N, C-alpha and C. Protein backbone atom coordinates (compact mmCIF):
# COMPACT_ATOMS: atom_id res chain seq x y z
N MET A 1 0.84 -1.18 0.00
CA MET A 1 0.00 0.00 0.00
C MET A 1 0.89 1.24 0.00
N THR A 2 0.62 2.16 -0.93
CA THR A 2 1.39 3.38 -0.99
C THR A 2 0.66 4.49 -0.24
N ARG A 3 1.43 5.31 0.42
CA ARG A 3 0.85 6.43 1.14
C ARG A 3 0.74 7.62 0.21
N LYS A 4 -0.38 8.29 0.27
CA LYS A 4 -0.58 9.49 -0.52
C LYS A 4 0.22 10.62 0.11
N LYS A 5 1.01 11.30 -0.70
CA LYS A 5 1.83 12.40 -0.21
C LYS A 5 0.94 13.56 0.22
N HIS A 6 1.19 14.09 1.40
CA HIS A 6 0.44 15.25 1.89
C HIS A 6 0.89 16.47 1.09
N ILE A 7 -0.05 17.16 0.49
CA ILE A 7 0.27 18.31 -0.34
C ILE A 7 0.18 19.58 0.50
N THR A 8 1.25 20.35 0.48
CA THR A 8 1.33 21.62 1.21
C THR A 8 1.81 22.70 0.25
N TRP A 9 1.77 23.94 0.69
CA TRP A 9 2.30 24.99 -0.18
C TRP A 9 3.80 24.81 -0.36
N GLU A 10 4.49 24.28 0.66
CA GLU A 10 5.94 24.12 0.60
C GLU A 10 6.37 23.14 -0.50
N ASN A 11 5.59 22.08 -0.73
CA ASN A 11 5.99 21.15 -1.79
C ASN A 11 5.27 21.43 -3.11
N THR A 12 4.34 22.38 -3.12
CA THR A 12 3.70 22.81 -4.36
C THR A 12 4.45 23.99 -4.96
N TYR A 13 4.76 24.97 -4.12
CA TYR A 13 5.50 26.16 -4.54
C TYR A 13 6.94 26.02 -4.04
N LYS A 14 7.62 24.99 -4.46
CA LYS A 14 8.95 24.68 -3.95
C LYS A 14 9.94 25.81 -4.27
N LEU A 15 10.59 26.28 -3.21
CA LEU A 15 11.60 27.32 -3.35
C LEU A 15 12.95 26.70 -3.70
N PRO A 16 13.84 27.41 -4.34
CA PRO A 16 13.73 28.82 -4.67
C PRO A 16 12.87 29.03 -5.91
N LEU A 17 12.17 30.19 -5.91
CA LEU A 17 11.46 30.59 -7.11
C LEU A 17 12.49 30.96 -8.16
N LYS A 18 12.13 30.74 -9.41
CA LYS A 18 13.05 31.04 -10.51
C LYS A 18 12.42 32.06 -11.43
N LYS A 19 13.28 32.89 -11.99
CA LYS A 19 12.81 33.86 -12.97
C LYS A 19 12.38 33.13 -14.23
N ASP A 20 11.60 33.80 -15.03
CA ASP A 20 11.15 33.22 -16.29
C ASP A 20 12.36 32.90 -17.17
N PRO A 21 12.44 31.66 -17.68
CA PRO A 21 13.62 31.26 -18.47
C PRO A 21 13.76 32.02 -19.79
N ILE A 22 12.67 32.58 -20.29
CA ILE A 22 12.74 33.33 -21.55
C ILE A 22 13.17 34.77 -21.29
N GLY A 23 13.10 35.20 -20.05
CA GLY A 23 13.55 36.53 -19.70
C GLY A 23 12.45 37.54 -19.48
N TYR A 24 11.20 37.11 -19.56
CA TYR A 24 10.11 38.04 -19.27
C TYR A 24 10.10 38.34 -17.78
N GLU A 25 9.99 39.60 -17.43
CA GLU A 25 9.90 39.96 -16.02
C GLU A 25 8.44 39.98 -15.59
N SER A 26 7.70 38.98 -16.05
CA SER A 26 6.28 38.89 -15.72
C SER A 26 5.94 37.63 -14.95
N TYR A 27 6.84 36.66 -14.91
CA TYR A 27 6.53 35.37 -14.29
C TYR A 27 7.65 34.92 -13.36
N ALA A 28 7.24 34.17 -12.33
CA ALA A 28 8.19 33.45 -11.47
C ALA A 28 7.67 32.02 -11.36
N TRP A 29 8.58 31.08 -11.42
CA TRP A 29 8.25 29.66 -11.43
C TRP A 29 8.81 28.99 -10.19
N SER A 30 8.10 28.00 -9.67
CA SER A 30 8.62 27.23 -8.54
C SER A 30 9.70 26.29 -9.05
N SER A 31 10.51 25.76 -8.15
CA SER A 31 11.55 24.81 -8.54
C SER A 31 10.97 23.52 -9.10
N CYS A 32 9.69 23.28 -8.83
CA CYS A 32 9.00 22.10 -9.38
C CYS A 32 8.52 22.33 -10.81
N GLY A 33 8.64 23.57 -11.30
CA GLY A 33 8.25 23.88 -12.66
C GLY A 33 6.87 24.48 -12.80
N GLY A 34 6.13 24.64 -11.72
CA GLY A 34 4.81 25.25 -11.79
C GLY A 34 4.89 26.76 -11.72
N MET A 35 3.96 27.42 -12.40
CA MET A 35 3.93 28.88 -12.33
C MET A 35 3.53 29.28 -10.91
N ALA A 36 4.26 30.22 -10.34
CA ALA A 36 4.01 30.64 -8.97
C ALA A 36 3.45 32.06 -8.89
N LEU A 37 4.03 32.98 -9.66
CA LEU A 37 3.62 34.38 -9.61
C LEU A 37 3.53 34.96 -11.01
N THR A 38 2.59 35.87 -11.19
CA THR A 38 2.51 36.68 -12.40
C THR A 38 2.57 38.14 -11.96
N PHE A 39 3.53 38.88 -12.50
CA PHE A 39 3.75 40.27 -12.14
C PHE A 39 3.05 41.21 -13.11
N HIS A 40 2.67 42.38 -12.62
CA HIS A 40 2.09 43.42 -13.46
C HIS A 40 3.15 43.87 -14.47
N MET A 41 2.73 44.14 -15.67
CA MET A 41 3.67 44.52 -16.74
C MET A 41 4.41 45.83 -16.44
N ASP A 42 3.79 46.73 -15.69
CA ASP A 42 4.39 48.04 -15.41
C ASP A 42 5.07 48.10 -14.05
N ILE A 43 5.56 46.95 -13.56
CA ILE A 43 6.21 46.93 -12.25
C ILE A 43 7.46 47.80 -12.27
N GLU A 44 7.71 48.47 -11.17
CA GLU A 44 8.87 49.34 -11.04
C GLU A 44 10.16 48.57 -11.35
N LYS A 45 11.06 49.20 -12.10
CA LYS A 45 12.31 48.55 -12.50
C LYS A 45 13.07 48.04 -11.26
N GLY A 46 13.50 46.81 -11.30
CA GLY A 46 14.26 46.21 -10.21
C GLY A 46 13.41 45.51 -9.16
N LEU A 47 12.13 45.85 -9.11
CA LEU A 47 11.26 45.28 -8.07
C LEU A 47 11.00 43.79 -8.30
N TYR A 48 10.91 43.38 -9.56
CA TYR A 48 10.72 41.96 -9.91
C TYR A 48 11.81 41.10 -9.26
N ASP A 49 13.07 41.45 -9.51
CA ASP A 49 14.20 40.70 -8.93
C ASP A 49 14.20 40.78 -7.41
N LYS A 50 13.96 41.96 -6.89
CA LYS A 50 13.99 42.16 -5.43
C LYS A 50 12.93 41.31 -4.73
N ILE A 51 11.72 41.25 -5.28
CA ILE A 51 10.64 40.44 -4.68
C ILE A 51 10.99 38.96 -4.73
N ILE A 52 11.41 38.48 -5.89
CA ILE A 52 11.76 37.05 -6.02
C ILE A 52 12.90 36.70 -5.07
N ASN A 53 13.95 37.52 -5.04
CA ASN A 53 15.08 37.24 -4.16
C ASN A 53 14.71 37.29 -2.69
N THR A 54 13.80 38.19 -2.32
CA THR A 54 13.35 38.26 -0.92
C THR A 54 12.53 37.03 -0.55
N ILE A 55 11.63 36.61 -1.42
CA ILE A 55 10.86 35.39 -1.16
C ILE A 55 11.80 34.21 -0.99
N ASN A 56 12.87 34.17 -1.79
CA ASN A 56 13.85 33.09 -1.71
C ASN A 56 14.80 33.22 -0.53
N GLY A 57 14.71 34.31 0.23
CA GLY A 57 15.57 34.51 1.40
C GLY A 57 16.96 35.00 1.05
N LYS A 58 17.18 35.55 -0.15
CA LYS A 58 18.50 36.01 -0.58
C LYS A 58 18.62 37.52 -0.62
N ASP A 59 17.57 38.21 -0.26
CA ASP A 59 17.55 39.66 -0.25
C ASP A 59 16.56 40.08 0.81
N GLU A 60 16.43 41.38 1.03
CA GLU A 60 15.46 41.85 2.00
C GLU A 60 14.79 43.10 1.48
N ILE A 61 13.49 43.08 1.48
CA ILE A 61 12.70 44.24 1.09
C ILE A 61 11.59 44.37 2.13
N ASN A 62 11.24 45.59 2.43
CA ASN A 62 10.13 45.80 3.35
C ASN A 62 9.06 46.59 2.61
N MET A 63 7.91 45.99 2.45
CA MET A 63 6.78 46.63 1.77
C MET A 63 5.64 46.75 2.78
N PRO A 64 5.71 47.74 3.68
CA PRO A 64 4.72 47.84 4.76
C PRO A 64 3.29 48.04 4.29
N ASN A 65 3.10 48.54 3.08
CA ASN A 65 1.75 48.76 2.55
C ASN A 65 1.24 47.59 1.72
N LEU A 66 2.00 46.50 1.71
CA LEU A 66 1.60 45.34 0.91
C LEU A 66 0.36 44.68 1.51
N MET A 67 -0.58 44.40 0.65
CA MET A 67 -1.78 43.69 1.08
C MET A 67 -2.27 42.84 -0.09
N TYR A 68 -3.11 41.88 0.23
CA TYR A 68 -3.68 41.09 -0.85
C TYR A 68 -5.17 40.98 -0.67
N ASP A 69 -5.84 40.67 -1.78
CA ASP A 69 -7.30 40.64 -1.78
C ASP A 69 -7.83 39.49 -0.94
N ASP A 70 -9.12 39.48 -0.73
CA ASP A 70 -9.72 38.47 0.13
C ASP A 70 -9.67 37.07 -0.47
N LYS A 71 -9.29 36.94 -1.72
CA LYS A 71 -9.12 35.62 -2.33
C LYS A 71 -7.69 35.14 -2.19
N GLY A 72 -6.80 36.02 -1.69
CA GLY A 72 -5.42 35.64 -1.43
C GLY A 72 -4.53 35.54 -2.64
N ALA A 73 -4.99 36.06 -3.76
CA ALA A 73 -4.20 35.89 -4.97
C ALA A 73 -3.55 37.18 -5.46
N ASP A 74 -4.23 38.30 -5.39
CA ASP A 74 -3.72 39.55 -5.94
C ASP A 74 -3.07 40.40 -4.86
N PHE A 75 -1.82 40.79 -5.09
CA PHE A 75 -1.07 41.60 -4.14
C PHE A 75 -0.96 43.04 -4.65
N PHE A 76 -1.11 43.97 -3.71
CA PHE A 76 -1.06 45.39 -4.00
C PHE A 76 -0.10 46.07 -3.03
N ASP A 77 0.59 47.10 -3.51
CA ASP A 77 1.37 47.98 -2.64
C ASP A 77 0.55 49.26 -2.55
N GLY A 78 -0.23 49.38 -1.49
CA GLY A 78 -1.23 50.44 -1.40
C GLY A 78 -2.33 50.11 -2.40
N ASP A 79 -2.55 50.99 -3.36
CA ASP A 79 -3.56 50.71 -4.38
C ASP A 79 -2.94 50.28 -5.71
N LYS A 80 -1.63 50.11 -5.74
CA LYS A 80 -0.92 49.72 -6.97
C LYS A 80 -0.78 48.20 -7.05
N TYR A 81 -1.34 47.62 -8.11
CA TYR A 81 -1.25 46.17 -8.33
C TYR A 81 0.20 45.78 -8.63
N ILE A 82 0.69 44.70 -7.94
CA ILE A 82 2.08 44.27 -8.12
C ILE A 82 2.14 42.89 -8.79
N PHE A 83 1.50 41.88 -8.18
CA PHE A 83 1.55 40.52 -8.72
C PHE A 83 0.41 39.69 -8.17
N CYS A 84 0.25 38.51 -8.75
CA CYS A 84 -0.73 37.56 -8.21
C CYS A 84 -0.08 36.19 -8.06
N VAL A 85 -0.60 35.43 -7.12
CA VAL A 85 -0.16 34.05 -6.89
C VAL A 85 -0.92 33.16 -7.86
N ARG A 86 -0.21 32.26 -8.50
CA ARG A 86 -0.81 31.33 -9.46
C ARG A 86 -0.73 29.92 -8.89
N GLY A 87 -1.45 28.98 -9.48
CA GLY A 87 -1.30 27.60 -9.08
C GLY A 87 -2.58 26.80 -8.94
N LEU A 88 -3.75 27.45 -8.97
CA LEU A 88 -5.00 26.70 -8.79
C LEU A 88 -5.21 25.69 -9.90
N GLY A 89 -4.82 26.02 -11.12
CA GLY A 89 -4.96 25.07 -12.23
C GLY A 89 -4.16 23.81 -11.98
N ASN A 90 -2.95 23.96 -11.49
CA ASN A 90 -2.09 22.83 -11.16
C ASN A 90 -2.68 22.02 -10.00
N LEU A 91 -3.15 22.73 -8.98
CA LEU A 91 -3.66 22.06 -7.79
C LEU A 91 -4.96 21.30 -8.05
N MET A 92 -5.88 21.94 -8.78
CA MET A 92 -7.17 21.29 -9.02
C MET A 92 -7.13 20.40 -10.26
N GLY A 93 -6.23 20.68 -11.18
CA GLY A 93 -6.13 19.87 -12.39
C GLY A 93 -5.21 18.68 -12.21
N ARG A 94 -3.92 18.94 -12.24
CA ARG A 94 -2.93 17.87 -12.17
C ARG A 94 -2.93 17.14 -10.84
N LYS A 95 -3.05 17.89 -9.75
CA LYS A 95 -3.00 17.25 -8.42
C LYS A 95 -4.37 16.79 -7.93
N LYS A 96 -5.42 17.17 -8.65
CA LYS A 96 -6.79 16.71 -8.40
C LYS A 96 -7.32 17.03 -7.00
N LEU A 97 -6.98 18.22 -6.51
CA LEU A 97 -7.50 18.66 -5.21
C LEU A 97 -8.85 19.33 -5.40
N ASN A 98 -9.67 19.28 -4.36
CA ASN A 98 -10.92 20.02 -4.44
C ASN A 98 -10.61 21.51 -4.27
N GLN A 99 -11.59 22.33 -4.59
CA GLN A 99 -11.40 23.78 -4.58
C GLN A 99 -11.00 24.30 -3.20
N LYS A 100 -11.62 23.79 -2.16
CA LYS A 100 -11.32 24.25 -0.79
C LYS A 100 -9.86 23.98 -0.43
N ASP A 101 -9.38 22.76 -0.68
CA ASP A 101 -7.99 22.41 -0.35
C ASP A 101 -7.00 23.18 -1.21
N ALA A 102 -7.32 23.35 -2.50
CA ALA A 102 -6.44 24.09 -3.40
C ALA A 102 -6.31 25.54 -2.94
N HIS A 103 -7.42 26.16 -2.57
CA HIS A 103 -7.36 27.54 -2.09
C HIS A 103 -6.60 27.64 -0.77
N ALA A 104 -6.73 26.65 0.09
CA ALA A 104 -5.99 26.66 1.37
C ALA A 104 -4.48 26.63 1.12
N ILE A 105 -4.05 25.85 0.14
CA ILE A 105 -2.62 25.79 -0.18
C ILE A 105 -2.15 27.11 -0.77
N GLN A 106 -2.91 27.65 -1.72
CA GLN A 106 -2.54 28.92 -2.32
C GLN A 106 -2.53 30.04 -1.26
N ASP A 107 -3.51 30.03 -0.36
CA ASP A 107 -3.56 31.03 0.71
C ASP A 107 -2.37 30.90 1.66
N GLY A 108 -1.94 29.67 1.93
CA GLY A 108 -0.76 29.46 2.77
C GLY A 108 0.49 30.07 2.14
N PHE A 109 0.62 29.90 0.82
CA PHE A 109 1.76 30.49 0.12
C PHE A 109 1.67 32.02 0.14
N ALA A 110 0.47 32.55 -0.03
CA ALA A 110 0.28 34.00 0.02
C ALA A 110 0.67 34.55 1.39
N GLU A 111 0.30 33.86 2.45
CA GLU A 111 0.69 34.29 3.80
C GLU A 111 2.21 34.27 3.97
N PHE A 112 2.85 33.23 3.45
CA PHE A 112 4.31 33.15 3.51
C PHE A 112 4.94 34.33 2.77
N ILE A 113 4.44 34.63 1.58
CA ILE A 113 4.96 35.75 0.80
C ILE A 113 4.83 37.05 1.60
N LYS A 114 3.66 37.26 2.16
CA LYS A 114 3.44 38.49 2.93
C LYS A 114 4.41 38.56 4.11
N SER A 115 4.66 37.43 4.78
CA SER A 115 5.59 37.44 5.91
C SER A 115 7.02 37.78 5.49
N ARG A 116 7.39 37.40 4.27
CA ARG A 116 8.73 37.71 3.76
C ARG A 116 8.85 39.16 3.31
N LEU A 117 7.79 39.70 2.73
CA LEU A 117 7.87 41.03 2.15
C LEU A 117 7.46 42.15 3.10
N CYS A 118 6.82 41.82 4.20
CA CYS A 118 6.40 42.83 5.20
C CYS A 118 7.09 42.52 6.51
N ARG A 119 8.23 43.10 6.72
CA ARG A 119 8.98 42.82 7.95
C ARG A 119 8.90 43.97 8.92
């Protein structure tokens, strides 16, 4: 009998996050190959790298006005949209989780991101 692996945000959004291999400053991918973040196209120069590096624990940024919507996916710095957390398609499609469990995992990752970016 095989045990079903417990799915958490840590093994779904495996760190370190990686920049988009094509060079677009619009996406960040987990080490597992799943899309993790989509950034706004007009993000301030340098902020893309700084956010990814801070989430990975290799840099430090403090965004005291950072907040996310009640669905836990869209992040704003004050009223300026910055990025969104991705992954529900992977969680509900490939990993076959129900909507409640998939959202709980995505929300856990969003909380982790906020803890890294708001110090």
